[in-house]
Amino acid sequence: MAVNSVNGFNAISPIVFDRNVPNTENKGLNFAEIFNNAINSVNDLQIQSKELTENLAVGRTDNIHEVLIAGEKAEVALQLTMQIRNKILDAYSEIMRMQI
């Protein structure tokens, strides 16, 4: 059984990092702004779900699928937010237990 050699490794070009990437540290949002925007987004989803549910109950809409999807989006977003909050509190507690 003949084994053919593998050729073509020299054809692979090395990875070149772009040194001209702009500095985004000063342009970006800080953690508080990012977290605030996320909380506002979750709140908007909750409000939208509530409005669609009220419209369904009153009879202004017949699209139950849209109402259920909006409700699930709001629930998943809230659960994710609560898990992130729990992780942040756990990390804070761990930092506070550290000895200097």
PDB file of N, CA and C in Angstrom:
ATOM      1  N   MET A   1       0.843  -1.159   0.000  1.00  0.00           N
ATOM      2  CA  MET A   1       0.000   0.000   0.000  1.00  0.00           C
ATOM      3  C   MET A   1       0.895   1.231   0.000  1.00  0.00           C
ATOM      4  N   ALA A   2       0.716   2.069  -0.955  1.00  0.00           N
ATOM      5  CA  ALA A   2       1.545   3.260  -1.087  1.00  0.00           C
ATOM      6  C   ALA A   2       0.908   4.421  -0.330  1.00  0.00           C
ATOM      7  N   VAL A   3       1.747   5.165   0.349  1.00  0.00           N
ATOM      8  CA  VAL A   3       1.283   6.349   1.083  1.00  0.00           C
ATOM      9  C   VAL A   3       1.810   7.570   0.357  1.00  0.00           C
ATOM     10  N   ASN A   4       0.905   8.398  -0.096  1.00  0.00           N
ATOM     11  CA  ASN A   4       1.302   9.615  -0.798  1.00  0.00           C
ATOM     12  C   ASN A   4       1.637  10.700   0.226  1.00  0.00           C
ATOM     13  N   SER A   5       2.638  11.491  -0.098  1.00  0.00           N
ATOM     14  CA  SER A   5       3.023  12.572   0.816  1.00  0.00           C
ATOM     15  C   SER A   5       2.032  13.727   0.696  1.00  0.00           C
ATOM     16  N   VAL A   6       1.937  14.457   1.763  1.00  0.00           N
ATOM     17  CA  VAL A   6       1.034  15.604   1.792  1.00  0.00           C
ATOM     18  C   VAL A   6       1.818  16.829   1.374  1.00  0.00           C
ATOM     19  N   ASN A   7       1.383  17.465   0.324  1.00  0.00           N
ATOM     20  CA  ASN A   7       2.038  18.672  -0.177  1.00  0.00           C
ATOM     21  C   ASN A   7       1.094  19.856  -0.015  1.00  0.00           C
ATOM     22  N   GLY A   8       1.657  21.013  -0.007  1.00  0.00           N
ATOM     23  CA  GLY A   8       0.812  22.201   0.017  1.00  0.00           C
ATOM     24  C   GLY A   8       0.835  22.964   1.317  1.00  0.00           C
ATOM     25  N   PHE A   9       1.627  22.500   2.280  1.00  0.00           N
ATOM     26  CA  PHE A   9       1.667  23.244   3.538  1.00  0.00           C
ATOM     27  C   PHE A   9       2.352  24.589   3.369  1.00  0.00           C
ATOM     28  N   ASN A  10       3.246  24.696   2.409  1.00  0.00           N
ATOM     29  CA  ASN A  10       3.925  25.967   2.179  1.00  0.00           C
ATOM     30  C   ASN A  10       2.990  26.998   1.572  1.00  0.00           C
ATOM     31  N   ALA A  11       1.869  26.540   1.027  1.00  0.00           N
ATOM     32  CA  ALA A  11       0.936  27.459   0.390  1.00  0.00           C
ATOM     33  C   ALA A  11       0.063  28.188   1.398  1.00  0.00           C
ATOM     34  N   ILE A  12       0.052  27.720   2.636  1.00  0.00           N
ATOM     35  CA  ILE A  12      -0.764  28.365   3.654  1.00  0.00           C
ATOM     36  C   ILE A  12      -0.058  29.631   4.107  1.00  0.00           C
ATOM     37  N   SER A  13      -0.759  30.734   4.013  1.00  0.00           N
ATOM     38  CA  SER A  13      -0.136  32.003   4.390  1.00  0.00           C
ATOM     39  C   SER A  13      -0.255  32.222   5.894  1.00  0.00           C
ATOM     40  N   PRO A  14       0.735  32.832   6.491  1.00  0.00           N
ATOM     41  CA  PRO A  14       0.671  33.079   7.935  1.00  0.00           C
ATOM     42  C   PRO A  14      -0.377  34.142   8.255  1.00  0.00           C
ATOM     43  N   ILE A  15      -0.844  34.104   9.486  1.00  0.00           N
ATOM     44  CA  ILE A  15      -1.830  35.075   9.927  1.00  0.00           C
ATOM     45  C   ILE A  15      -1.124  36.396  10.191  1.00  0.00           C
ATOM     46  N   VAL A  16      -1.680  37.456   9.633  1.00  0.00           N
ATOM     47  CA  VAL A  16      -1.109  38.784   9.819  1.00  0.00           C
ATOM     48  C   VAL A  16      -2.101  39.614  10.618  1.00  0.00           C
ATOM     49  N   PHE A  17      -1.648  40.133  11.729  1.00  0.00           N
ATOM     50  CA  PHE A  17      -2.512  40.965  12.556  1.00  0.00           C
ATOM     51  C   PHE A  17      -2.443  42.399  12.077  1.00  0.00           C
ATOM     52  N   ASP A  18      -3.595  43.030  12.013  1.00  0.00           N
ATOM     53  CA  ASP A  18      -3.670  44.412  11.562  1.00  0.00           C
ATOM     54  C   ASP A  18      -3.352  45.327  12.741  1.00  0.00           C
ATOM     55  N   ARG A  19      -2.273  46.032  12.637  1.00  0.00           N
ATOM     56  CA  ARG A  19      -1.857  46.938  13.720  1.00  0.00           C
ATOM     57  C   ARG A  19      -2.579  48.285  13.645  1.00  0.00           C
ATOM     58  N   ASN A  20      -3.359  48.514  12.598  1.00  0.00           N
ATOM     59  CA  ASN A  20      -4.038  49.783  12.413  1.00  0.00           C
ATOM     60  C   ASN A  20      -5.471  49.764  12.942  1.00  0.00           C
ATOM     61  N   VAL A  21      -5.757  48.867  13.863  1.00  0.00           N
ATOM     62  CA  VAL A  21      -7.096  48.792  14.442  1.00  0.00           C
ATOM     63  C   VAL A  21      -7.278  49.991  15.350  1.00  0.00           C
ATOM     64  N   PRO A  22      -8.368  50.743  15.184  1.00  0.00           N
ATOM     65  CA  PRO A  22      -8.560  51.925  16.020  1.00  0.00           C
ATOM     66  C   PRO A  22      -8.773  51.548  17.481  1.00  0.00           C
ATOM     67  N   ASN A  23      -8.365  52.413  18.366  1.00  0.00           N
ATOM     68  CA  ASN A  23      -8.521  52.204  19.798  1.00  0.00           C
ATOM     69  C   ASN A  23      -9.977  52.447  20.171  1.00  0.00           C
ATOM     70  N   THR A  24     -10.657  51.409  20.615  1.00  0.00           N
ATOM     71  CA  THR A  24     -12.083  51.524  20.923  1.00  0.00           C
ATOM     72  C   THR A  24     -12.339  51.636  22.419  1.00  0.00           C
ATOM     73  N   GLU A  25     -11.286  51.673  23.214  1.00  0.00           N
ATOM     74  CA  GLU A  25     -11.482  51.712  24.653  1.00  0.00           C
ATOM     75  C   GLU A  25     -12.185  52.986  25.091  1.00  0.00           C
ATOM     76  N   ASN A  26     -11.810  54.111  24.543  1.00  0.00           N
ATOM     77  CA  ASN A  26     -12.406  55.375  24.947  1.00  0.00           C
ATOM     78  C   ASN A  26     -13.743  55.630  24.269  1.00  0.00           C
ATOM     79  N   LYS A  27     -13.980  54.988  23.147  1.00  0.00           N
ATOM     80  CA  LYS A  27     -15.205  55.213  22.391  1.00  0.00           C
ATOM     81  C   LYS A  27     -16.356  54.333  22.854  1.00  0.00           C
ATOM     82  N   GLY A  28     -16.040  53.233  23.517  1.00  0.00           N
ATOM     83  CA  GLY A  28     -17.065  52.273  23.896  1.00  0.00           C
ATOM     84  C   GLY A  28     -17.860  52.710  25.109  1.00  0.00           C
ATOM     85  N   LEU A  29     -18.914  51.972  25.361  1.00  0.00           N
ATOM     86  CA  LEU A  29     -19.742  52.223  26.525  1.00  0.00           C
ATOM     87  C   LEU A  29     -19.121  51.549  27.734  1.00  0.00           C
ATOM     88  N   ASN A  30     -19.376  52.110  28.901  1.00  0.00           N
ATOM     89  CA  ASN A  30     -18.884  51.443  30.097  1.00  0.00           C
ATOM     90  C   ASN A  30     -19.905  50.395  30.538  1.00  0.00           C
ATOM     91  N   PHE A  31     -19.541  49.619  31.544  1.00  0.00           N
ATOM     92  CA  PHE A  31     -20.371  48.502  31.970  1.00  0.00           C
ATOM     93  C   PHE A  31     -21.748  48.969  32.430  1.00  0.00           C
ATOM     94  N   ALA A  32     -21.799  50.064  33.154  1.00  0.00           N
ATOM     95  CA  ALA A  32     -23.082  50.563  33.664  1.00  0.00           C
ATOM     96  C   ALA A  32     -24.030  50.920  32.525  1.00  0.00           C
ATOM     97  N   GLU A  33     -23.508  51.546  31.476  1.00  0.00           N
ATOM     98  CA  GLU A  33     -24.353  51.906  30.340  1.00  0.00           C
ATOM     99  C   GLU A  33     -24.844  50.672  29.595  1.00  0.00           C
ATOM    100  N   ILE A  34     -23.971  49.698  29.421  1.00  0.00           N
ATOM    101  CA  ILE A  34     -24.356  48.461  28.736  1.00  0.00           C
ATOM    102  C   ILE A  34     -25.427  47.734  29.536  1.00  0.00           C
ATOM    103  N   PHE A  35     -25.223  47.643  30.855  1.00  0.00           N
ATOM    104  CA  PHE A  35     -26.186  46.951  31.709  1.00  0.00           C
ATOM    105  C   PHE A  35     -27.511  47.707  31.747  1.00  0.00           C
ATOM    106  N   ASN A  36     -27.448  49.034  31.784  1.00  0.00           N
ATOM    107  CA  ASN A  36     -28.662  49.855  31.767  1.00  0.00           C
ATOM    108  C   ASN A  36     -29.435  49.656  30.467  1.00  0.00           C
ATOM    109  N   ASN A  37     -28.731  49.616  29.338  1.00  0.00           N
ATOM    110  CA  ASN A  37     -29.393  49.386  28.047  1.00  0.00           C
ATOM    111  C   ASN A  37     -30.051  48.007  28.010  1.00  0.00           C
ATOM    112  N   ALA A  38     -29.393  47.011  28.581  1.00  0.00           N
ATOM    113  CA  ALA A  38     -29.958  45.661  28.606  1.00  0.00           C
ATOM    114  C   ALA A  38     -31.215  45.620  29.465  1.00  0.00           C
ATOM    115  N   ILE A  39     -31.182  46.277  30.617  1.00  0.00           N
ATOM    116  CA  ILE A  39     -32.355  46.325  31.490  1.00  0.00           C
ATOM    117  C   ILE A  39     -33.513  47.034  30.788  1.00  0.00           C
ATOM    118  N   ASN A  40     -33.206  48.121  30.096  1.00  0.00           N
ATOM    119  CA  ASN A  40     -34.256  48.842  29.362  1.00  0.00           C
ATOM    120  C   ASN A  40     -34.843  47.987  28.243  1.00  0.00           C
ATOM    121  N   SER A  41     -34.014  47.186  27.584  1.00  0.00           N
ATOM    122  CA  SER A  41     -34.514  46.303  26.532  1.00  0.00           C
ATOM    123  C   SER A  41     -35.453  45.242  27.099  1.00  0.00           C
ATOM    124  N   VAL A  42     -35.083  44.683  28.253  1.00  0.00           N
ATOM    125  CA  VAL A  42     -35.941  43.691  28.906  1.00  0.00           C
ATOM    126  C   VAL A  42     -37.263  44.342  29.314  1.00  0.00           C
ATOM    127  N   ASN A  43     -37.179  45.553  29.830  1.00  0.00           N
ATOM    128  CA  ASN A  43     -38.394  46.271  30.219  1.00  0.00           C
ATOM    129  C   ASN A  43     -39.284  46.527  29.009  1.00  0.00           C
ATOM    130  N   ASP A  44     -38.690  46.904  27.883  1.00  0.00           N
ATOM    131  CA  ASP A  44     -39.475  47.132  26.664  1.00  0.00           C
ATOM    132  C   ASP A  44     -40.170  45.851  26.206  1.00  0.00           C
ATOM    133  N   LEU A  45     -39.479  44.716  26.306  1.00  0.00           N
ATOM    134  CA  LEU A  45     -40.097  43.439  25.937  1.00  0.00           C
ATOM    135  C   LEU A  45     -41.258  43.104  26.867  1.00  0.00           C
ATOM    136  N   GLN A  46     -41.101  43.390  28.155  1.00  0.00           N
ATOM    137  CA  GLN A  46     -42.180  43.133  29.118  1.00  0.00           C
ATOM    138  C   GLN A  46     -43.393  44.014  28.813  1.00  0.00           C
ATOM    139  N   ILE A  47     -43.147  45.276  28.502  1.00  0.00           N
ATOM    140  CA  ILE A  47     -44.245  46.202  28.188  1.00  0.00           C
ATOM    141  C   ILE A  47     -44.956  45.768  26.909  1.00  0.00           C
ATOM    142  N   GLN A  48     -44.193  45.385  25.901  1.00  0.00           N
ATOM    143  CA  GLN A  48     -44.782  44.944  24.633  1.00  0.00           C
ATOM    144  C   GLN A  48     -45.628  43.690  24.846  1.00  0.00           C
ATOM    145  N   SER A  49     -45.129  42.759  25.645  1.00  0.00           N
ATOM    146  CA  SER A  49     -45.886  41.542  25.928  1.00  0.00           C
ATOM    147  C   SER A  49     -47.186  41.860  26.651  1.00  0.00           C
ATOM    148  N   LYS A  50     -47.116  42.771  27.613  1.00  0.00           N
ATOM    149  CA  LYS A  50     -48.315  43.164  28.361  1.00  0.00           C
ATOM    150  C   LYS A  50     -49.350  43.804  27.445  1.00  0.00           C
ATOM    151  N   GLU A  51     -48.893  44.696  26.571  1.00  0.00           N
ATOM    152  CA  GLU A  51     -49.819  45.370  25.649  1.00  0.00           C
ATOM    153  C   GLU A  51     -50.478  44.377  24.698  1.00  0.00           C
ATOM    154  N   LEU A  52     -49.692  43.442  24.152  1.00  0.00           N
ATOM    155  CA  LEU A  52     -50.266  42.448  23.235  1.00  0.00           C
ATOM    156  C   LEU A  52     -51.250  41.537  23.959  1.00  0.00           C
ATOM    157  N   THR A  53     -50.945  41.183  25.210  1.00  0.00           N
ATOM    158  CA  THR A  53     -51.854  40.344  25.987  1.00  0.00           C
ATOM    159  C   THR A  53     -53.163  41.074  26.262  1.00  0.00           C
ATOM    160  N   GLU A  54     -53.055  42.354  26.611  1.00  0.00           N
ATOM    161  CA  GLU A  54     -54.267  43.151  26.843  1.00  0.00           C
ATOM    162  C   GLU A  54     -55.089  43.281  25.567  1.00  0.00           C
ATOM    163  N   ASN A  55     -54.426  43.493  24.439  1.00  0.00           N
ATOM    164  CA  ASN A  55     -55.133  43.594  23.160  1.00  0.00           C
ATOM    165  C   ASN A  55     -55.837  42.282  22.818  1.00  0.00           C
ATOM    166  N   LEU A  56     -55.226  41.170  23.129  1.00  0.00           N
ATOM    167  CA  LEU A  56     -55.859  39.873  22.877  1.00  0.00           C
ATOM    168  C   LEU A  56     -57.064  39.683  23.787  1.00  0.00           C
ATOM    169  N   ALA A  57     -56.930  40.077  25.043  1.00  0.00           N
ATOM    170  CA  ALA A  57     -58.031  39.910  25.993  1.00  0.00           C
ATOM    171  C   ALA A  57     -59.224  40.784  25.632  1.00  0.00           C
ATOM    172  N   VAL A  58     -58.967  41.985  25.132  1.00  0.00           N
ATOM    173  CA  VAL A  58     -60.041  42.907  24.776  1.00  0.00           C
ATOM    174  C   VAL A  58     -60.651  42.533  23.427  1.00  0.00           C
ATOM    175  N   GLY A  59     -59.886  41.859  22.584  1.00  0.00           N
ATOM    176  CA  GLY A  59     -60.394  41.447  21.275  1.00  0.00           C
ATOM    177  C   GLY A  59     -59.906  42.310  20.139  1.00  0.00           C
ATOM    178  N   ARG A  60     -58.881  43.129  20.385  1.00  0.00           N
ATOM    179  CA  ARG A  60     -58.355  43.989  19.328  1.00  0.00           C
ATOM    180  C   ARG A  60     -57.473  43.224  18.351  1.00  0.00           C
ATOM    181  N   THR A  61     -56.990  42.057  18.755  1.00  0.00           N
ATOM    182  CA  THR A  61     -56.143  41.249  17.883  1.00  0.00           C
ATOM    183  C   THR A  61     -56.572  39.790  17.966  1.00  0.00           C
ATOM    184  N   ASP A  62     -56.372  39.080  16.872  1.00  0.00           N
ATOM    185  CA  ASP A  62     -56.699  37.660  16.824  1.00  0.00           C
ATOM    186  C   ASP A  62     -55.443  36.795  16.703  1.00  0.00           C
ATOM    187  N   ASN A  63     -54.291  37.435  16.610  1.00  0.00           N
ATOM    188  CA  ASN A  63     -53.045  36.712  16.373  1.00  0.00           C
ATOM    189  C   ASN A  63     -52.461  36.239  17.700  1.00  0.00           C
ATOM    190  N   ILE A  64     -52.893  35.062  18.121  1.00  0.00           N
ATOM    191  CA  ILE A  64     -52.429  34.520  19.403  1.00  0.00           C
ATOM    192  C   ILE A  64     -50.968  34.114  19.345  1.00  0.00           C
ATOM    193  N   HIS A  65     -50.485  33.751  18.149  1.00  0.00           N
ATOM    194  CA  HIS A  65     -49.081  33.350  17.999  1.00  0.00           C
ATOM    195  C   HIS A  65     -48.150  34.515  18.344  1.00  0.00           C
ATOM    196  N   GLU A  66     -48.481  35.695  17.862  1.00  0.00           N
ATOM    197  CA  GLU A  66     -47.662  36.875  18.140  1.00  0.00           C
ATOM    198  C   GLU A  66     -47.636  37.178  19.639  1.00  0.00           C
ATOM    199  N   VAL A  67     -48.778  37.009  20.292  1.00  0.00           N
ATOM    200  CA  VAL A  67     -48.870  37.260  21.731  1.00  0.00           C
ATOM    201  C   VAL A  67     -48.021  36.255  22.498  1.00  0.00           C
ATOM    202  N   LEU A  68     -48.103  34.988  22.132  1.00  0.00           N
ATOM    203  CA  LEU A  68     -47.336  33.957  22.823  1.00  0.00           C
ATOM    204  C   LEU A  68     -45.836  34.119  22.591  1.00  0.00           C
ATOM    205  N   ILE A  69     -45.455  34.474  21.384  1.00  0.00           N
ATOM    206  CA  ILE A  69     -44.032  34.671  21.089  1.00  0.00           C
ATOM    207  C   ILE A  69     -43.493  35.862  21.863  1.00  0.00           C
ATOM    208  N   ALA A  70     -44.249  36.947  21.929  1.00  0.00           N
ATOM    209  CA  ALA A  70     -43.816  38.121  22.690  1.00  0.00           C
ATOM    210  C   ALA A  70     -43.701  37.782  24.173  1.00  0.00           C
ATOM    211  N   GLY A  71     -44.622  36.986  24.680  1.00  0.00           N
ATOM    212  CA  GLY A  71     -44.564  36.578  26.079  1.00  0.00           C
ATOM    213  C   GLY A  71     -43.349  35.721  26.376  1.00  0.00           C
ATOM    214  N   GLU A  72     -43.041  34.793  25.483  1.00  0.00           N
ATOM    215  CA  GLU A  72     -41.873  33.936  25.677  1.00  0.00           C
ATOM    216  C   GLU A  72     -40.575  34.729  25.570  1.00  0.00           C
ATOM    217  N   LYS A  73     -40.511  35.679  24.627  1.00  0.00           N
ATOM    218  CA  LYS A  73     -39.322  36.523  24.518  1.00  0.00           C
ATOM    219  C   LYS A  73     -39.098  37.294  25.806  1.00  0.00           C
ATOM    220  N   ALA A  74     -40.175  37.859  26.338  1.00  0.00           N
ATOM    221  CA  ALA A  74     -40.070  38.632  27.576  1.00  0.00           C
ATOM    222  C   ALA A  74     -39.644  37.738  28.731  1.00  0.00           C
ATOM    223  N   GLU A  75     -40.183  36.529  28.798  1.00  0.00           N
ATOM    224  CA  GLU A  75     -39.839  35.617  29.889  1.00  0.00           C
ATOM    225  C   GLU A  75     -38.384  35.166  29.802  1.00  0.00           C
ATOM    226  N   VAL A  76     -37.923  34.821  28.611  1.00  0.00           N
ATOM    227  CA  VAL A  76     -36.541  34.377  28.438  1.00  0.00           C
ATOM    228  C   VAL A  76     -35.577  35.522  28.739  1.00  0.00           C
ATOM    229  N   ALA A  77     -35.913  36.726  28.280  1.00  0.00           N
ATOM    230  CA  ALA A  77     -35.052  37.882  28.548  1.00  0.00           C
ATOM    231  C   ALA A  77     -34.973  38.161  30.042  1.00  0.00           C
ATOM    232  N   LEU A  78     -36.084  38.048  30.744  1.00  0.00           N
ATOM    233  CA  LEU A  78     -36.086  38.274  32.186  1.00  0.00           C
ATOM    234  C   LEU A  78     -35.288  37.198  32.910  1.00  0.00           C
ATOM    235  N   GLN A  79     -35.429  35.948  32.507  1.00  0.00           N
ATOM    236  CA  GLN A  79     -34.665  34.867  33.131  1.00  0.00           C
ATOM    237  C   GLN A  79     -33.167  35.057  32.910  1.00  0.00           C
ATOM    238  N   LEU A  80     -32.784  35.460  31.699  1.00  0.00           N
ATOM    239  CA  LEU A  80     -31.381  35.718  31.408  1.00  0.00           C
ATOM    240  C   LEU A  80     -30.854  36.863  32.259  1.00  0.00           C
ATOM    241  N   THR A  81     -31.637  37.911  32.382  1.00  0.00           N
ATOM    242  CA  THR A  81     -31.230  39.048  33.201  1.00  0.00           C
ATOM    243  C   THR A  81     -31.057  38.649  34.651  1.00  0.00           C
ATOM    244  N   MET A  82     -31.955  37.828  35.159  1.00  0.00           N
ATOM    245  CA  MET A  82     -31.851  37.380  36.539  1.00  0.00           C
ATOM    246  C   MET A  82     -30.612  36.502  36.745  1.00  0.00           C
ATOM    247  N   GLN A  83     -30.295  35.661  35.767  1.00  0.00           N
ATOM    248  CA  GLN A  83     -29.105  34.822  35.879  1.00  0.00           C
ATOM    249  C   GLN A  83     -27.832  35.659  35.850  1.00  0.00           C
ATOM    250  N   ILE A  84     -27.814  36.687  35.009  1.00  0.00           N
ATOM    251  CA  ILE A  84     -26.658  37.584  34.961  1.00  0.00           C
ATOM    252  C   ILE A  84     -26.521  38.322  36.291  1.00  0.00           C
ATOM    253  N   ARG A  85     -27.636  38.787  36.838  1.00  0.00           N
ATOM    254  CA  ARG A  85     -27.617  39.458  38.133  1.00  0.00           C
ATOM    255  C   ARG A  85     -27.071  38.520  39.209  1.00  0.00           C
ATOM    256  N   ASN A  86     -27.526  37.272  39.198  1.00  0.00           N
ATOM    257  CA  ASN A  86     -27.055  36.303  40.188  1.00  0.00           C
ATOM    258  C   ASN A  86     -25.555  36.066  40.062  1.00  0.00           C
ATOM    259  N   LYS A  87     -25.064  35.962  38.836  1.00  0.00           N
ATOM    260  CA  LYS A  87     -23.630  35.753  38.625  1.00  0.00           C
ATOM    261  C   LYS A  87     -22.824  36.963  39.101  1.00  0.00           C
ATOM    262  N   ILE A  88     -23.339  38.159  38.856  1.00  0.00           N
ATOM    263  CA  ILE A  88     -22.654  39.371  39.304  1.00  0.00           C
ATOM    264  C   ILE A  88     -22.608  39.416  40.830  1.00  0.00           C
ATOM    265  N   LEU A  89     -23.731  39.089  41.473  1.00  0.00           N
ATOM    266  CA  LEU A  89     -23.756  39.075  42.935  1.00  0.00           C
ATOM    267  C   LEU A  89     -22.831  38.003  43.507  1.00  0.00           C
ATOM    268  N   ASP A  90     -22.776  36.841  42.865  1.00  0.00           N
ATOM    269  CA  ASP A  90     -21.855  35.794  43.307  1.00  0.00           C
ATOM    270  C   ASP A  90     -20.398  36.255  43.182  1.00  0.00           C
ATOM    271  N   ALA A  91     -20.083  36.911  42.066  1.00  0.00           N
ATOM    272  CA  ALA A  91     -18.720  37.402  41.869  1.00  0.00           C
ATOM    273  C   ALA A  91     -18.389  38.477  42.895  1.00  0.00           C
ATOM    274  N   TYR A  92     -19.323  39.362  43.186  1.00  0.00           N
ATOM    275  CA  TYR A  92     -19.114  40.403  44.193  1.00  0.00           C
ATOM    276  C   TYR A  92     -18.888  39.777  45.563  1.00  0.00           C
ATOM    277  N   SER A  93     -19.696  38.789  45.903  1.00  0.00           N
ATOM    278  CA  SER A  93     -19.533  38.113  47.197  1.00  0.00           C
ATOM    279  C   SER A  93     -18.173  37.433  47.287  1.00  0.00           C
ATOM    280  N   GLU A  94     -17.750  36.826  46.201  1.00  0.00           N
ATOM    281  CA  GLU A  94     -16.454  36.151  46.181  1.00  0.00           C
ATOM    282  C   GLU A  94     -15.322  37.156  46.353  1.00  0.00           C
ATOM    283  N   ILE A  95     -15.439  38.293  45.715  1.00  0.00           N
ATOM    284  CA  ILE A  95     -14.407  39.336  45.845  1.00  0.00           C
ATOM    285  C   ILE A  95     -14.374  39.863  47.274  1.00  0.00           C
ATOM    286  N   MET A  96     -15.536  40.028  47.869  1.00  0.00           N
ATOM    287  CA  MET A  96     -15.586  40.542  49.235  1.00  0.00           C
ATOM    288  C   MET A  96     -15.011  39.541  50.242  1.00  0.00           C
ATOM    289  N   ARG A  97     -15.037  38.269  49.940  1.00  0.00           N
ATOM    290  CA  ARG A  97     -14.483  37.244  50.836  1.00  0.00           C
ATOM    291  C   ARG A  97     -12.964  37.109  50.707  1.00  0.00           C
ATOM    292  N   MET A  98     -12.399  37.680  49.643  1.00  0.00           N
ATOM    293  CA  MET A  98     -10.954  37.577  49.439  1.00  0.00           C
ATOM    294  C   MET A  98     -10.203  38.354  50.511  1.00  0.00           C
ATOM    295  N   GLN A  99      -9.099  37.777  50.918  1.00  0.00           N
ATOM    296  CA  GLN A  99      -8.248  38.453  51.895  1.00  0.00           C
ATOM    297  C   GLN A  99      -7.147  39.189  51.164  1.00  0.00           C
ATOM    298  N   ILE A 100      -6.837  40.341  51.670  1.00  0.00           N
ATOM    299  CA  ILE A 100      -5.804  41.162  51.035  1.00  0.00           C
ATOM    300  C   ILE A 100      -4.459  40.862  51.637  1.00  0.00           C
TER     301      ILE A 100
END
